[in-house]
């Protein structure tokens, strides 16, 4: 997740440089994907066993156990709360239709 965000940021910066976009747009891109729960946040908010289980799930595609999923959710909640988040939304695309759905919740 973090690598893809970093690549997207680099691509956007290159596009701004090529097209000569305004300085305001360029400075806005510096913060692009700066609030991502990625490897750095995982190292801070998850214990090593949880990080290892999460990495294994990413590698193999196998689902997380409920306990590990709860630990990841709690780490993400703490991370988001420390950054001022008070609510969250989950966007999903049902298999049966074209219209996406959203679920909104608060901490």
C-alpha atoms as a PDB file:
ATOM      1  CA  UNK A   1       0.000   0.000   0.000  1.00  0.00           C
ATOM      2  CA  UNK A   2       2.732   2.446   0.923  1.00  0.00           C
ATOM      3  CA  UNK A   3       4.791   1.678  -2.179  1.00  0.00           C
ATOM      4  CA  UNK A   4       1.835   2.273  -4.503  1.00  0.00           C
ATOM      5  CA  UNK A   5       1.139   5.617  -2.808  1.00  0.00           C
ATOM      6  CA  UNK A   6       4.779   6.615  -3.128  1.00  0.00           C
ATOM      7  CA  UNK A   7       4.786   5.716  -6.829  1.00  0.00           C
ATOM      8  CA  UNK A   8       1.562   7.648  -7.400  1.00  0.00           C
ATOM      9  CA  UNK A   9       3.032  10.690  -5.659  1.00  0.00           C
ATOM     10  CA  UNK A  10       6.172  10.522  -7.806  1.00  0.00           C
ATOM     11  CA  UNK A  11       4.095  10.206 -10.979  1.00  0.00           C
ATOM     12  CA  UNK A  12       1.945  13.197 -10.008  1.00  0.00           C
ATOM     13  CA  UNK A  13       4.994  15.310  -9.216  1.00  0.00           C
ATOM     14  CA  UNK A  14       6.515  14.390 -12.570  1.00  0.00           C
ATOM     15  CA  UNK A  15       3.286  15.370 -14.336  1.00  0.00           C
ATOM     16  CA  UNK A  16       3.228  18.713 -12.536  1.00  0.00           C
ATOM     17  CA  UNK A  17       6.825  19.353 -13.575  1.00  0.00           C
ATOM     18  CA  UNK A  18       6.151  18.404 -17.218  1.00  0.00           C
ATOM     19  CA  UNK A  19       2.987  20.450 -17.542  1.00  0.00           C
ATOM     20  CA  UNK A  20       4.202  23.477 -15.603  1.00  0.00           C
ATOM     21  CA  UNK A  21       1.219  23.389 -13.246  1.00  0.00           C
ATOM     22  CA  UNK A  22       0.949  26.155 -10.685  1.00  0.00           C
ATOM     23  CA  UNK A  23       3.044  26.164  -7.518  1.00  0.00           C
ATOM     24  CA  UNK A  24      -0.059  25.761  -5.337  1.00  0.00           C
ATOM     25  CA  UNK A  25      -0.851  22.433  -6.993  1.00  0.00           C
ATOM     26  CA  UNK A  26       2.748  21.323  -6.577  1.00  0.00           C
ATOM     27  CA  UNK A  27       2.736  22.061  -2.843  1.00  0.00           C
ATOM     28  CA  UNK A  28      -0.580  20.230  -2.422  1.00  0.00           C
ATOM     29  CA  UNK A  29       1.004  17.126  -3.920  1.00  0.00           C
ATOM     30  CA  UNK A  30       3.647  17.084  -1.208  1.00  0.00           C
ATOM     31  CA  UNK A  31       0.958  15.973   1.256  1.00  0.00           C
ATOM     32  CA  UNK A  32      -0.578  13.381  -1.073  1.00  0.00           C
ATOM     33  CA  UNK A  33      -0.908  10.039   0.742  1.00  0.00           C
ATOM     34  CA  UNK A  34       0.776  11.441   3.856  1.00  0.00           C
ATOM     35  CA  UNK A  35      -1.980  10.032   6.103  1.00  0.00           C
ATOM     36  CA  UNK A  36      -1.763   6.360   5.150  1.00  0.00           C
ATOM     37  CA  UNK A  37      -1.770   3.509   7.627  1.00  0.00           C
ATOM     38  CA  UNK A  38       1.194   1.783   5.998  1.00  0.00           C
ATOM     39  CA  UNK A  39       4.380   0.035   7.090  1.00  0.00           C
ATOM     40  CA  UNK A  40       5.603   2.897   9.291  1.00  0.00           C
ATOM     41  CA  UNK A  41       2.283   3.134  11.163  1.00  0.00           C
ATOM     42  CA  UNK A  42       2.068  -0.654  11.419  1.00  0.00           C
ATOM     43  CA  UNK A  43       5.464  -0.720  13.110  1.00  0.00           C
ATOM     44  CA  UNK A  44       4.238   1.826  15.655  1.00  0.00           C
ATOM     45  CA  UNK A  45       0.697   0.603  16.329  1.00  0.00           C
ATOM     46  CA  UNK A  46       0.907  -3.183  15.847  1.00  0.00           C
ATOM     47  CA  UNK A  47       2.985  -5.729  17.736  1.00  0.00           C
ATOM     48  CA  UNK A  48       5.429  -7.890  15.783  1.00  0.00           C
ATOM     49  CA  UNK A  49       3.196 -10.989  15.823  1.00  0.00           C
ATOM     50  CA  UNK A  50       0.277  -9.039  14.373  1.00  0.00           C
ATOM     51  CA  UNK A  51       2.513  -7.447  11.724  1.00  0.00           C
ATOM     52  CA  UNK A  52       3.852 -10.869  10.752  1.00  0.00           C
ATOM     53  CA  UNK A  53       0.330 -12.323  10.487  1.00  0.00           C
ATOM     54  CA  UNK A  54      -0.801  -9.355   8.393  1.00  0.00           C
ATOM     55  CA  UNK A  55       2.197  -9.687   6.079  1.00  0.00           C
ATOM     56  CA  UNK A  56       1.534 -13.421   5.677  1.00  0.00           C
ATOM     57  CA  UNK A  57      -2.108 -12.736   4.803  1.00  0.00           C
ATOM     58  CA  UNK A  58      -1.049 -10.198   2.167  1.00  0.00           C
ATOM     59  CA  UNK A  59       1.461 -12.652   0.724  1.00  0.00           C
ATOM     60  CA  UNK A  60      -0.779 -15.724   0.657  1.00  0.00           C
ATOM     61  CA  UNK A  61      -4.243 -14.199   0.319  1.00  0.00           C
ATOM     62  CA  UNK A  62      -5.514 -16.201   3.291  1.00  0.00           C
ATOM     63  CA  UNK A  63      -7.925 -14.416   5.651  1.00  0.00           C
ATOM     64  CA  UNK A  64      -6.827 -13.043   9.001  1.00  0.00           C
ATOM     65  CA  UNK A  65      -8.000 -14.702  12.176  1.00  0.00           C
ATOM     66  CA  UNK A  66     -10.607 -12.721  14.085  1.00  0.00           C
ATOM     67  CA  UNK A  67      -8.096 -11.962  16.836  1.00  0.00           C
ATOM     68  CA  UNK A  68      -5.506 -10.561  14.431  1.00  0.00           C
ATOM     69  CA  UNK A  69      -8.167  -8.590  12.533  1.00  0.00           C
ATOM     70  CA  UNK A  70      -9.350  -7.050  15.816  1.00  0.00           C
ATOM     71  CA  UNK A  71      -5.786  -6.084  16.759  1.00  0.00           C
ATOM     72  CA  UNK A  72      -5.270  -4.453  13.340  1.00  0.00           C
ATOM     73  CA  UNK A  73      -8.591  -2.608  13.668  1.00  0.00           C
ATOM     74  CA  UNK A  74      -7.670  -1.337  17.130  1.00  0.00           C
ATOM     75  CA  UNK A  75      -4.252  -0.170  15.908  1.00  0.00           C
ATOM     76  CA  UNK A  76      -5.846   1.641  12.989  1.00  0.00           C
ATOM     77  CA  UNK A  77      -8.446   3.224  15.290  1.00  0.00           C
ATOM     78  CA  UNK A  78      -5.750   4.528  17.658  1.00  0.00           C
ATOM     79  CA  UNK A  79      -3.703   5.820  14.703  1.00  0.00           C
ATOM     80  CA  UNK A  80      -6.716   7.623  13.207  1.00  0.00           C
ATOM     81  CA  UNK A  81      -7.902   9.020  16.560  1.00  0.00           C
ATOM     82  CA  UNK A  82      -4.474  10.521  17.233  1.00  0.00           C
ATOM     83  CA  UNK A  83      -4.836  12.352  13.906  1.00  0.00           C
ATOM     84  CA  UNK A  84      -8.225  13.806  14.849  1.00  0.00           C
ATOM     85  CA  UNK A  85     -10.564  11.316  13.163  1.00  0.00           C
ATOM     86  CA  UNK A  86     -13.985  11.015  14.769  1.00  0.00           C
ATOM     87  CA  UNK A  87     -15.732   8.885  12.145  1.00  0.00           C
ATOM     88  CA  UNK A  88     -15.017   6.569   9.245  1.00  0.00           C
ATOM     89  CA  UNK A  89     -16.677   5.223   6.114  1.00  0.00           C
ATOM     90  CA  UNK A  90     -16.409   1.903   4.354  1.00  0.00           C
ATOM     91  CA  UNK A  91     -17.023   1.986   0.599  1.00  0.00           C
ATOM     92  CA  UNK A  92     -17.912  -1.307  -1.042  1.00  0.00           C
ATOM     93  CA  UNK A  93     -19.028  -2.565  -4.417  1.00  0.00           C
ATOM     94  CA  UNK A  94     -21.717  -5.253  -4.202  1.00  0.00           C
ATOM     95  CA  UNK A  95     -21.332  -8.187  -6.565  1.00  0.00           C
ATOM     96  CA  UNK A  96     -24.994  -7.992  -7.568  1.00  0.00           C
ATOM     97  CA  UNK A  97     -25.146  -4.456  -8.908  1.00  0.00           C
ATOM     98  CA  UNK A  98     -23.269  -1.487 -10.247  1.00  0.00           C
ATOM     99  CA  UNK A  99     -24.118   0.980  -7.515  1.00  0.00           C
ATOM    100  CA  UNK A 100     -21.533   1.203  -4.717  1.00  0.00           C
ATOM    101  CA  UNK A 101     -22.567   1.260  -1.099  1.00  0.00           C
ATOM    102  CA  UNK A 102     -21.213   3.134   1.878  1.00  0.00           C
ATOM    103  CA  UNK A 103     -21.340   2.498   5.598  1.00  0.00           C
ATOM    104  CA  UNK A 104     -20.631   5.429   7.903  1.00  0.00           C
ATOM    105  CA  UNK A 105     -19.769   5.046  11.583  1.00  0.00           C
ATOM    106  CA  UNK A 106     -18.278   7.043  14.461  1.00  0.00           C
ATOM    107  CA  UNK A 107     -15.708   6.181  17.078  1.00  0.00           C
END
